[in-house]
Amino acid sequence: MGRRLPVRISRDVLGCTTTPPESRIGIVMEDQDSLRKVSLLNRYVQSLCGLYSRVARQLNVDRSYVSRVARGERRSEQIEQALSSEFTRIMNENEAQPMQPMQE
């Protein structure tokens, strides 16, 4: 068996670039749309977290039951209506907020 040479991985490959930010402006401009989408997605995810728990508290039922109704494993018109209303409220709330630019 031959001797193996050590493998060197550049810092750029690992994402630890030493390129100054001002020289990455072109890359940043190209990624602005992606960053805005990620920011919006993050806002929706944060808003939706706790959706089942809020509905469960409103209707005085177990959160797992709300989850099963949402997945279609169980049927409850009251829970379906509450989920729909809460989801609509969240969507309207998020659409009303201006999209914040991402911070570096």
PDB file of N, CA and C in Angstrom:
ATOM      1  N   MET A   1       0.848  -1.159   0.000  1.00  0.00           N
ATOM      2  CA  MET A   1       0.000   0.000   0.000  1.00  0.00           C
ATOM      3  C   MET A   1       0.895   1.224   0.000  1.00  0.00           C
ATOM      4  N   GLY A   2       0.578   2.181  -0.891  1.00  0.00           N
ATOM      5  CA  GLY A   2       1.378   3.392  -1.001  1.00  0.00           C
ATOM      6  C   GLY A   2       1.041   4.409   0.065  1.00  0.00           C
ATOM      7  N   ARG A   3       1.905   5.340   0.197  1.00  0.00           N
ATOM      8  CA  ARG A   3       1.704   6.408   1.186  1.00  0.00           C
ATOM      9  C   ARG A   3       0.733   7.446   0.640  1.00  0.00           C
ATOM     10  N   ARG A   4      -0.230   7.819   1.410  1.00  0.00           N
ATOM     11  CA  ARG A   4      -1.219   8.814   0.994  1.00  0.00           C
ATOM     12  C   ARG A   4      -0.718  10.211   1.273  1.00  0.00           C
ATOM     13  N   LEU A   5      -0.961  11.096   0.344  1.00  0.00           N
ATOM     14  CA  LEU A   5      -0.614  12.490   0.546  1.00  0.00           C
ATOM     15  C   LEU A   5      -1.767  13.175   1.257  1.00  0.00           C
ATOM     16  N   PRO A   6      -1.471  14.114   2.136  1.00  0.00           N
ATOM     17  CA  PRO A   6      -2.562  14.816   2.826  1.00  0.00           C
ATOM     18  C   PRO A   6      -3.383  15.634   1.832  1.00  0.00           C
ATOM     19  N   VAL A   7      -4.687  15.631   2.029  1.00  0.00           N
ATOM     20  CA  VAL A   7      -5.588  16.393   1.168  1.00  0.00           C
ATOM     21  C   VAL A   7      -5.803  17.755   1.801  1.00  0.00           C
ATOM     22  N   ARG A   8      -5.616  18.782   1.020  1.00  0.00           N
ATOM     23  CA  ARG A   8      -5.836  20.147   1.515  1.00  0.00           C
ATOM     24  C   ARG A   8      -7.112  20.681   0.899  1.00  0.00           C
ATOM     25  N   ILE A   9      -7.964  21.193   1.721  1.00  0.00           N
ATOM     26  CA  ILE A   9      -9.223  21.778   1.256  1.00  0.00           C
ATOM     27  C   ILE A   9      -9.117  23.276   1.457  1.00  0.00           C
ATOM     28  N   SER A  10      -9.400  24.006   0.397  1.00  0.00           N
ATOM     29  CA  SER A  10      -9.279  25.460   0.511  1.00  0.00           C
ATOM     30  C   SER A  10     -10.375  26.017   1.412  1.00  0.00           C
ATOM     31  N   ARG A  11     -10.113  27.154   1.974  1.00  0.00           N
ATOM     32  CA  ARG A  11     -11.084  27.805   2.846  1.00  0.00           C
ATOM     33  C   ARG A  11     -12.327  28.209   2.071  1.00  0.00           C
ATOM     34  N   ASP A  12     -12.185  28.532   0.769  1.00  0.00           N
ATOM     35  CA  ASP A  12     -13.346  28.899  -0.027  1.00  0.00           C
ATOM     36  C   ASP A  12     -14.311  27.728  -0.175  1.00  0.00           C
ATOM     37  N   VAL A  13     -13.808  26.521  -0.325  1.00  0.00           N
ATOM     38  CA  VAL A  13     -14.654  25.337  -0.456  1.00  0.00           C
ATOM     39  C   VAL A  13     -15.469  25.127   0.817  1.00  0.00           C
ATOM     40  N   LEU A  14     -14.881  25.428   1.947  1.00  0.00           N
ATOM     41  CA  LEU A  14     -15.575  25.250   3.223  1.00  0.00           C
ATOM     42  C   LEU A  14     -16.490  26.421   3.568  1.00  0.00           C
ATOM     43  N   GLY A  15     -16.516  27.448   2.713  1.00  0.00           N
ATOM     44  CA  GLY A  15     -17.347  28.614   2.994  1.00  0.00           C
ATOM     45  C   GLY A  15     -16.703  29.573   3.960  1.00  0.00           C
ATOM     46  N   CYS A  16     -15.415  29.442   4.189  1.00  0.00           N
ATOM     47  CA  CYS A  16     -14.686  30.315   5.104  1.00  0.00           C
ATOM     48  C   CYS A  16     -13.825  31.269   4.292  1.00  0.00           C
ATOM     49  N   THR A  17     -14.406  31.872   3.321  1.00  0.00           N
ATOM     50  CA  THR A  17     -13.640  32.728   2.423  1.00  0.00           C
ATOM     51  C   THR A  17     -13.092  33.952   3.143  1.00  0.00           C
ATOM     52  N   THR A  18     -11.952  34.369   2.692  1.00  0.00           N
ATOM     53  CA  THR A  18     -11.349  35.574   3.266  1.00  0.00           C
ATOM     54  C   THR A  18     -11.533  36.753   2.335  1.00  0.00           C
ATOM     55  N   THR A  19     -12.360  36.584   1.294  1.00  0.00           N
ATOM     56  CA  THR A  19     -12.626  37.665   0.357  1.00  0.00           C
ATOM     57  C   THR A  19     -13.381  38.767   1.084  1.00  0.00           C
ATOM     58  N   PRO A  20     -12.927  40.005   0.973  1.00  0.00           N
ATOM     59  CA  PRO A  20     -13.629  41.091   1.666  1.00  0.00           C
ATOM     60  C   PRO A  20     -15.050  41.267   1.127  1.00  0.00           C
ATOM     61  N   PRO A  21     -15.978  41.681   1.979  1.00  0.00           N
ATOM     62  CA  PRO A  21     -17.381  41.807   1.574  1.00  0.00           C
ATOM     63  C   PRO A  21     -17.585  42.704   0.360  1.00  0.00           C
ATOM     64  N   GLU A  22     -16.813  43.780   0.236  1.00  0.00           N
ATOM     65  CA  GLU A  22     -17.031  44.693  -0.885  1.00  0.00           C
ATOM     66  C   GLU A  22     -16.753  44.045  -2.234  1.00  0.00           C
ATOM     67  N   SER A  23     -15.929  43.016  -2.271  1.00  0.00           N
ATOM     68  CA  SER A  23     -15.664  42.336  -3.542  1.00  0.00           C
ATOM     69  C   SER A  23     -16.700  41.258  -3.821  1.00  0.00           C
ATOM     70  N   ARG A  24     -17.594  41.002  -2.873  1.00  0.00           N
ATOM     71  CA  ARG A  24     -18.647  40.002  -3.078  1.00  0.00           C
ATOM     72  C   ARG A  24     -19.973  40.652  -3.415  1.00  0.00           C
ATOM     73  N   ILE A  25     -19.990  41.942  -3.726  1.00  0.00           N
ATOM     74  CA  ILE A  25     -21.239  42.673  -3.956  1.00  0.00           C
ATOM     75  C   ILE A  25     -22.035  42.061  -5.097  1.00  0.00           C
ATOM     76  N   GLY A  26     -21.375  41.646  -6.179  1.00  0.00           N
ATOM     77  CA  GLY A  26     -22.087  41.026  -7.295  1.00  0.00           C
ATOM     78  C   GLY A  26     -22.826  39.781  -6.859  1.00  0.00           C
ATOM     79  N   ILE A  27     -22.185  38.994  -6.044  1.00  0.00           N
ATOM     80  CA  ILE A  27     -22.814  37.772  -5.536  1.00  0.00           C
ATOM     81  C   ILE A  27     -23.986  38.132  -4.645  1.00  0.00           C
ATOM     82  N   VAL A  28     -23.809  39.120  -3.798  1.00  0.00           N
ATOM     83  CA  VAL A  28     -24.875  39.539  -2.881  1.00  0.00           C
ATOM     84  C   VAL A  28     -26.074  40.043  -3.663  1.00  0.00           C
ATOM     85  N   MET A  29     -25.857  40.815  -4.721  1.00  0.00           N
ATOM     86  CA  MET A  29     -26.967  41.335  -5.510  1.00  0.00           C
ATOM     87  C   MET A  29     -27.746  40.200  -6.174  1.00  0.00           C
ATOM     88  N   GLU A  30     -27.033  39.182  -6.669  1.00  0.00           N
ATOM     89  CA  GLU A  30     -27.693  38.047  -7.293  1.00  0.00           C
ATOM     90  C   GLU A  30     -28.526  37.266  -6.277  1.00  0.00           C
ATOM     91  N   ASP A  31     -28.086  37.245  -5.053  1.00  0.00           N
ATOM     92  CA  ASP A  31     -28.756  36.449  -4.031  1.00  0.00           C
ATOM     93  C   ASP A  31     -29.848  37.208  -3.281  1.00  0.00           C
ATOM     94  N   GLN A  32     -30.040  38.492  -3.581  1.00  0.00           N
ATOM     95  CA  GLN A  32     -31.040  39.269  -2.838  1.00  0.00           C
ATOM     96  C   GLN A  32     -32.430  38.664  -2.949  1.00  0.00           C
ATOM     97  N   ASP A  33     -32.813  38.228  -4.158  1.00  0.00           N
ATOM     98  CA  ASP A  33     -34.142  37.642  -4.333  1.00  0.00           C
ATOM     99  C   ASP A  33     -34.281  36.370  -3.500  1.00  0.00           C
ATOM    100  N   SER A  34     -33.250  35.548  -3.516  1.00  0.00           N
ATOM    101  CA  SER A  34     -33.277  34.325  -2.717  1.00  0.00           C
ATOM    102  C   SER A  34     -33.352  34.648  -1.234  1.00  0.00           C
ATOM    103  N   LEU A  35     -32.600  35.639  -0.800  1.00  0.00           N
ATOM    104  CA  LEU A  35     -32.610  36.020   0.611  1.00  0.00           C
ATOM    105  C   LEU A  35     -33.969  36.545   1.033  1.00  0.00           C
ATOM    106  N   ARG A  36     -34.608  37.309   0.160  1.00  0.00           N
ATOM    107  CA  ARG A  36     -35.953  37.811   0.478  1.00  0.00           C
ATOM    108  C   ARG A  36     -36.942  36.651   0.609  1.00  0.00           C
ATOM    109  N   LYS A  37     -36.820  35.679  -0.293  1.00  0.00           N
ATOM    110  CA  LYS A  37     -37.722  34.523  -0.229  1.00  0.00           C
ATOM    111  C   LYS A  37     -37.499  33.732   1.051  1.00  0.00           C
ATOM    112  N   VAL A  38     -36.255  33.545   1.427  1.00  0.00           N
ATOM    113  CA  VAL A  38     -35.946  32.818   2.663  1.00  0.00           C
ATOM    114  C   VAL A  38     -36.477  33.589   3.867  1.00  0.00           C
ATOM    115  N   SER A  39     -36.334  34.906   3.836  1.00  0.00           N
ATOM    116  CA  SER A  39     -36.840  35.738   4.925  1.00  0.00           C
ATOM    117  C   SER A  39     -38.363  35.605   5.048  1.00  0.00           C
ATOM    118  N   LEU A  40     -39.041  35.635   3.926  1.00  0.00           N
ATOM    119  CA  LEU A  40     -40.496  35.498   3.930  1.00  0.00           C
ATOM    120  C   LEU A  40     -40.904  34.112   4.424  1.00  0.00           C
ATOM    121  N   LEU A  41     -40.207  33.095   3.942  1.00  0.00           N
ATOM    122  CA  LEU A  41     -40.487  31.732   4.389  1.00  0.00           C
ATOM    123  C   LEU A  41     -40.289  31.610   5.897  1.00  0.00           C
ATOM    124  N   ASN A  42     -39.208  32.183   6.397  1.00  0.00           N
ATOM    125  CA  ASN A  42     -38.931  32.140   7.831  1.00  0.00           C
ATOM    126  C   ASN A  42     -40.055  32.817   8.620  1.00  0.00           C
ATOM    127  N   ARG A  43     -40.543  33.946   8.116  1.00  0.00           N
ATOM    128  CA  ARG A  43     -41.632  34.649   8.799  1.00  0.00           C
ATOM    129  C   ARG A  43     -42.889  33.782   8.839  1.00  0.00           C
ATOM    130  N   TYR A  44     -43.211  33.113   7.718  1.00  0.00           N
ATOM    131  CA  TYR A  44     -44.378  32.234   7.697  1.00  0.00           C
ATOM    132  C   TYR A  44     -44.214  31.063   8.652  1.00  0.00           C
ATOM    133  N   VAL A  45     -43.046  30.466   8.656  1.00  0.00           N
ATOM    134  CA  VAL A  45     -42.793  29.323   9.543  1.00  0.00           C
ATOM    135  C   VAL A  45     -42.963  29.741  10.995  1.00  0.00           C
ATOM    136  N   GLN A  46     -42.382  30.894  11.358  1.00  0.00           N
ATOM    137  CA  GLN A  46     -42.512  31.365  12.737  1.00  0.00           C
ATOM    138  C   GLN A  46     -43.960  31.643  13.094  1.00  0.00           C
ATOM    139  N   SER A  47     -44.707  32.189  12.150  1.00  0.00           N
ATOM    140  CA  SER A  47     -46.121  32.480  12.405  1.00  0.00           C
ATOM    141  C   SER A  47     -46.942  31.209  12.540  1.00  0.00           C
ATOM    142  N   LEU A  48     -46.600  30.191  11.772  1.00  0.00           N
ATOM    143  CA  LEU A  48     -47.368  28.950  11.800  1.00  0.00           C
ATOM    144  C   LEU A  48     -47.021  28.064  12.985  1.00  0.00           C
ATOM    145  N   CYS A  49     -45.843  28.280  13.564  1.00  0.00           N
ATOM    146  CA  CYS A  49     -45.478  27.497  14.747  1.00  0.00           C
ATOM    147  C   CYS A  49     -46.503  27.755  15.841  1.00  0.00           C
ATOM    148  N   GLY A  50     -47.015  26.717  16.398  1.00  0.00           N
ATOM    149  CA  GLY A  50     -48.004  26.876  17.461  1.00  0.00           C
ATOM    150  C   GLY A  50     -49.432  26.939  16.965  1.00  0.00           C
ATOM    151  N   LEU A  51     -49.633  26.806  15.660  1.00  0.00           N
ATOM    152  CA  LEU A  51     -50.981  26.871  15.100  1.00  0.00           C
ATOM    153  C   LEU A  51     -51.894  25.827  15.732  1.00  0.00           C
ATOM    154  N   TYR A  52     -51.449  24.580  15.783  1.00  0.00           N
ATOM    155  CA  TYR A  52     -52.264  23.512  16.356  1.00  0.00           C
ATOM    156  C   TYR A  52     -52.532  23.760  17.833  1.00  0.00           C
ATOM    157  N   SER A  53     -51.518  24.236  18.545  1.00  0.00           N
ATOM    158  CA  SER A  53     -51.697  24.507  19.980  1.00  0.00           C
ATOM    159  C   SER A  53     -52.703  25.626  20.215  1.00  0.00           C
ATOM    160  N   ARG A  54     -52.633  26.685  19.398  1.00  0.00           N
ATOM    161  CA  ARG A  54     -53.592  27.790  19.563  1.00  0.00           C
ATOM    162  C   ARG A  54     -55.019  27.312  19.306  1.00  0.00           C
ATOM    163  N   VAL A  55     -55.196  26.537  18.245  1.00  0.00           N
ATOM    164  CA  VAL A  55     -56.535  26.019  17.929  1.00  0.00           C
ATOM    165  C   VAL A  55     -57.004  25.083  19.038  1.00  0.00           C
ATOM    166  N   ALA A  56     -56.126  24.235  19.533  1.00  0.00           N
ATOM    167  CA  ALA A  56     -56.488  23.305  20.611  1.00  0.00           C
ATOM    168  C   ALA A  56     -56.926  24.068  21.858  1.00  0.00           C
ATOM    169  N   ARG A  57     -56.209  25.133  22.204  1.00  0.00           N
ATOM    170  CA  ARG A  57     -56.599  25.941  23.375  1.00  0.00           C
ATOM    171  C   ARG A  57     -57.945  26.610  23.156  1.00  0.00           C
ATOM    172  N   GLN A  58     -58.166  27.156  21.959  1.00  0.00           N
ATOM    173  CA  GLN A  58     -59.434  27.833  21.659  1.00  0.00           C
ATOM    174  C   GLN A  58     -60.624  26.882  21.802  1.00  0.00           C
ATOM    175  N   LEU A  59     -60.431  25.640  21.382  1.00  0.00           N
ATOM    176  CA  LEU A  59     -61.544  24.680  21.369  1.00  0.00           C
ATOM    177  C   LEU A  59     -61.525  23.709  22.550  1.00  0.00           C
ATOM    178  N   ASN A  60     -60.527  23.863  23.412  1.00  0.00           N
ATOM    179  CA  ASN A  60     -60.385  23.019  24.591  1.00  0.00           C
ATOM    180  C   ASN A  60     -60.319  21.531  24.211  1.00  0.00           C
ATOM    181  N   VAL A  61     -59.439  21.246  23.233  1.00  0.00           N
ATOM    182  CA  VAL A  61     -59.189  19.862  22.823  1.00  0.00           C
ATOM    183  C   VAL A  61     -57.687  19.618  22.861  1.00  0.00           C
ATOM    184  N   ASP A  62     -57.296  18.358  22.712  1.00  0.00           N
ATOM    185  CA  ASP A  62     -55.880  18.010  22.720  1.00  0.00           C
ATOM    186  C   ASP A  62     -55.212  18.423  21.408  1.00  0.00           C
ATOM    187  N   ARG A  63     -53.993  18.887  21.522  1.00  0.00           N
ATOM    188  CA  ARG A  63     -53.235  19.334  20.356  1.00  0.00           C
ATOM    189  C   ARG A  63     -53.046  18.204  19.350  1.00  0.00           C
ATOM    190  N   SER A  64     -52.833  16.997  19.838  1.00  0.00           N
ATOM    191  CA  SER A  64     -52.629  15.859  18.935  1.00  0.00           C
ATOM    192  C   SER A  64     -53.886  15.570  18.117  1.00  0.00           C
ATOM    193  N   TYR A  65     -55.053  15.842  18.696  1.00  0.00           N
ATOM    194  CA  TYR A  65     -56.301  15.643  17.950  1.00  0.00           C
ATOM    195  C   TYR A  65     -56.397  16.662  16.814  1.00  0.00           C
ATOM    196  N   VAL A  66     -56.006  17.904  17.102  1.00  0.00           N
ATOM    197  CA  VAL A  66     -55.989  18.949  16.071  1.00  0.00           C
ATOM    198  C   VAL A  66     -55.033  18.537  14.961  1.00  0.00           C
ATOM    199  N   SER A  67     -53.889  18.006  15.318  1.00  0.00           N
ATOM    200  CA  SER A  67     -52.903  17.553  14.346  1.00  0.00           C
ATOM    201  C   SER A  67     -53.467  16.438  13.462  1.00  0.00           C
ATOM    202  N   ARG A  68     -54.180  15.498  14.070  1.00  0.00           N
ATOM    203  CA  ARG A  68     -54.766  14.390  13.308  1.00  0.00           C
ATOM    204  C   ARG A  68     -55.850  14.880  12.345  1.00  0.00           C
ATOM    205  N   VAL A  69     -56.616  15.871  12.786  1.00  0.00           N
ATOM    206  CA  VAL A  69     -57.633  16.455  11.899  1.00  0.00           C
ATOM    207  C   VAL A  69     -56.940  17.161  10.734  1.00  0.00           C
ATOM    208  N   ALA A  70     -55.883  17.897  11.018  1.00  0.00           N
ATOM    209  CA  ALA A  70     -55.157  18.618   9.973  1.00  0.00           C
ATOM    210  C   ALA A  70     -54.541  17.659   8.952  1.00  0.00           C
ATOM    211  N   ARG A  71     -54.092  16.490   9.401  1.00  0.00           N
ATOM    212  CA  ARG A  71     -53.503  15.494   8.497  1.00  0.00           C
ATOM    213  C   ARG A  71     -54.559  14.667   7.771  1.00  0.00           C
ATOM    214  N   GLY A  72     -55.831  14.835   8.150  1.00  0.00           N
ATOM    215  CA  GLY A  72     -56.908  14.099   7.498  1.00  0.00           C
ATOM    216  C   GLY A  72     -57.188  12.737   8.097  1.00  0.00           C
ATOM    217  N   GLU A  73     -56.567  12.434   9.227  1.00  0.00           N
ATOM    218  CA  GLU A  73     -56.786  11.144   9.878  1.00  0.00           C
ATOM    219  C   GLU A  73     -58.104  11.115  10.649  1.00  0.00           C
ATOM    220  N   ARG A  74     -58.569  12.267  11.065  1.00  0.00           N
ATOM    221  CA  ARG A  74     -59.834  12.414  11.791  1.00  0.00           C
ATOM    222  C   ARG A  74     -60.627  13.534  11.131  1.00  0.00           C
ATOM    223  N   ARG A  75     -61.929  13.567  11.417  1.00  0.00           N
ATOM    224  CA  ARG A  75     -62.787  14.623  10.874  1.00  0.00           C
ATOM    225  C   ARG A  75     -63.443  15.386  12.009  1.00  0.00           C
ATOM    226  N   SER A  76     -63.361  16.708  11.925  1.00  0.00           N
ATOM    227  CA  SER A  76     -64.062  17.582  12.856  1.00  0.00           C
ATOM    228  C   SER A  76     -64.280  18.905  12.138  1.00  0.00           C
ATOM    229  N   GLU A  77     -65.524  19.178  11.811  1.00  0.00           N
ATOM    230  CA  GLU A  77     -65.836  20.412  11.091  1.00  0.00           C
ATOM    231  C   GLU A  77     -65.429  21.642  11.911  1.00  0.00           C
ATOM    232  N   GLN A  78     -65.637  21.575  13.217  1.00  0.00           N
ATOM    233  CA  GLN A  78     -65.291  22.700  14.087  1.00  0.00           C
ATOM    234  C   GLN A  78     -63.779  22.961  14.067  1.00  0.00           C
ATOM    235  N   ILE A  79     -62.976  21.914  14.159  1.00  0.00           N
ATOM    236  CA  ILE A  79     -61.517  22.076  14.154  1.00  0.00           C
ATOM    237  C   ILE A  79     -61.039  22.509  12.772  1.00  0.00           C
ATOM    238  N   GLU A  80     -61.610  21.935  11.714  1.00  0.00           N
ATOM    239  CA  GLU A  80     -61.232  22.329  10.362  1.00  0.00           C
ATOM    240  C   GLU A  80     -61.503  23.816  10.141  1.00  0.00           C
ATOM    241  N   GLN A  81     -62.647  24.284  10.615  1.00  0.00           N
ATOM    242  CA  GLN A  81     -62.996  25.700  10.476  1.00  0.00           C
ATOM    243  C   GLN A  81     -62.040  26.581  11.274  1.00  0.00           C
ATOM    244  N   ALA A  82     -61.702  26.170  12.482  1.00  0.00           N
ATOM    245  CA  ALA A  82     -60.775  26.941  13.314  1.00  0.00           C
ATOM    246  C   ALA A  82     -59.379  26.985  12.681  1.00  0.00           C
ATOM    247  N   LEU A  83     -58.918  25.855  12.136  1.00  0.00           N
ATOM    248  CA  LEU A  83     -57.617  25.817  11.454  1.00  0.00           C
ATOM    249  C   LEU A  83     -57.615  26.757  10.247  1.00  0.00           C
ATOM    250  N   SER A  84     -58.681  26.707   9.487  1.00  0.00           N
ATOM    251  CA  SER A  84     -58.796  27.556   8.305  1.00  0.00           C
ATOM    252  C   SER A  84     -58.791  29.038   8.684  1.00  0.00           C
ATOM    253  N   SER A  85     -59.548  29.379   9.708  1.00  0.00           N
ATOM    254  CA  SER A  85     -59.621  30.771  10.161  1.00  0.00           C
ATOM    255  C   SER A  85     -58.268  31.266  10.675  1.00  0.00           C
ATOM    256  N   GLU A  86     -57.608  30.441  11.459  1.00  0.00           N
ATOM    257  CA  GLU A  86     -56.315  30.815  12.017  1.00  0.00           C
ATOM    258  C   GLU A  86     -55.271  30.960  10.906  1.00  0.00           C
ATOM    259  N   PHE A  87     -55.307  30.044   9.953  1.00  0.00           N
ATOM    260  CA  PHE A  87     -54.372  30.113   8.834  1.00  0.00           C
ATOM    261  C   PHE A  87     -54.604  31.386   8.022  1.00  0.00           C
ATOM    262  N   THR A  88     -55.853  31.717   7.743  1.00  0.00           N
ATOM    263  CA  THR A  88     -56.181  32.935   7.003  1.00  0.00           C
ATOM    264  C   THR A  88     -55.701  34.166   7.761  1.00  0.00           C
ATOM    265  N   ARG A  89     -55.898  34.177   9.077  1.00  0.00           N
ATOM    266  CA  ARG A  89     -55.444  35.303   9.890  1.00  0.00           C
ATOM    267  C   ARG A  89     -53.929  35.465   9.779  1.00  0.00           C
ATOM    268  N   ILE A  90     -53.200  34.357   9.864  1.00  0.00           N
ATOM    269  CA  ILE A  90     -51.735  34.404   9.784  1.00  0.00           C
ATOM    270  C   ILE A  90     -51.296  34.915   8.419  1.00  0.00           C
ATOM    271  N   MET A  91     -51.905  34.410   7.363  1.00  0.00           N
ATOM    272  CA  MET A  91     -51.529  34.828   6.009  1.00  0.00           C
ATOM    273  C   MET A  91     -51.790  36.319   5.811  1.00  0.00           C
ATOM    274  N   ASN A  92     -52.938  36.794   6.259  1.00  0.00           N
ATOM    275  CA  ASN A  92     -53.259  38.215   6.126  1.00  0.00           C
ATOM    276  C   ASN A  92     -52.302  39.076   6.937  1.00  0.00           C
ATOM    277  N   GLU A  93     -51.956  38.619   8.112  1.00  0.00           N
ATOM    278  CA  GLU A  93     -51.032  39.345   8.984  1.00  0.00           C
ATOM    279  C   GLU A  93     -49.653  39.459   8.341  1.00  0.00           C
ATOM    280  N   ASN A  94     -49.177  38.387   7.745  1.00  0.00           N
ATOM    281  CA  ASN A  94     -47.859  38.384   7.118  1.00  0.00           C
ATOM    282  C   ASN A  94     -47.835  39.176   5.823  1.00  0.00           C
ATOM    283  N   GLU A  95     -48.912  39.151   5.062  1.00  0.00           N
ATOM    284  CA  GLU A  95     -48.959  39.913   3.817  1.00  0.00           C
ATOM    285  C   GLU A  95     -48.993  41.409   4.090  1.00  0.00           C
ATOM    286  N   ALA A  96     -49.535  41.796   5.242  1.00  0.00           N
ATOM    287  CA  ALA A  96     -49.619  43.210   5.588  1.00  0.00           C
ATOM    288  C   ALA A  96     -48.278  43.787   6.032  1.00  0.00           C
ATOM    289  N   GLN A  97     -47.375  42.922   6.479  1.00  0.00           N
ATOM    290  CA  GLN A  97     -46.054  43.377   6.938  1.00  0.00           C
ATOM    291  C   GLN A  97     -45.118  43.514   5.756  1.00  0.00           C
ATOM    292  N   PRO A  98     -44.391  44.646   5.684  1.00  0.00           N
ATOM    293  CA  PRO A  98     -43.411  44.788   4.601  1.00  0.00           C
ATOM    294  C   PRO A  98     -42.269  43.806   4.800  1.00  0.00           C
ATOM    295  N   MET A  99     -41.714  43.315   3.700  1.00  0.00           N
ATOM    296  CA  MET A  99     -40.618  42.369   3.768  1.00  0.00           C
ATOM    297  C   MET A  99     -39.356  43.100   4.194  1.00  0.00           C
ATOM    298  N   GLN A 100     -38.729  42.605   5.226  1.00  0.00           N
ATOM    299  CA  GLN A 100     -37.507  43.209   5.759  1.00  0.00           C
ATOM    300  C   GLN A 100     -36.298  42.687   4.989  1.00  0.00           C
ATOM    301  N   PRO A 101     -35.345  43.566   4.664  1.00  0.00           N
ATOM    302  CA  PRO A 101     -34.128  43.076   4.006  1.00  0.00           C
ATOM    303  C   PRO A 101     -33.317  42.224   4.990  1.00  0.00           C
ATOM    304  N   MET A 102     -32.602  41.251   4.445  1.00  0.00           N
ATOM    305  CA  MET A 102     -31.772  40.383   5.263  1.00  0.00           C
ATOM    306  C   MET A 102     -30.541  41.153   5.733  1.00  0.00           C
ATOM    307  N   GLN A 103     -30.129  40.907   6.951  1.00  0.00           N
ATOM    308  CA  GLN A 103     -28.916  41.489   7.499  1.00  0.00           C
ATOM    309  C   GLN A 103     -27.766  40.551   7.260  1.00  0.00           C
ATOM    310  N   GLU A 104     -26.592  41.069   6.905  1.00  0.00           N
ATOM    311  CA  GLU A 104     -25.400  40.215   6.761  1.00  0.00           C
ATOM    312  C   GLU A 104     -24.727  40.052   8.070  1.00  0.00           C
TER     313      GLU A 104
END
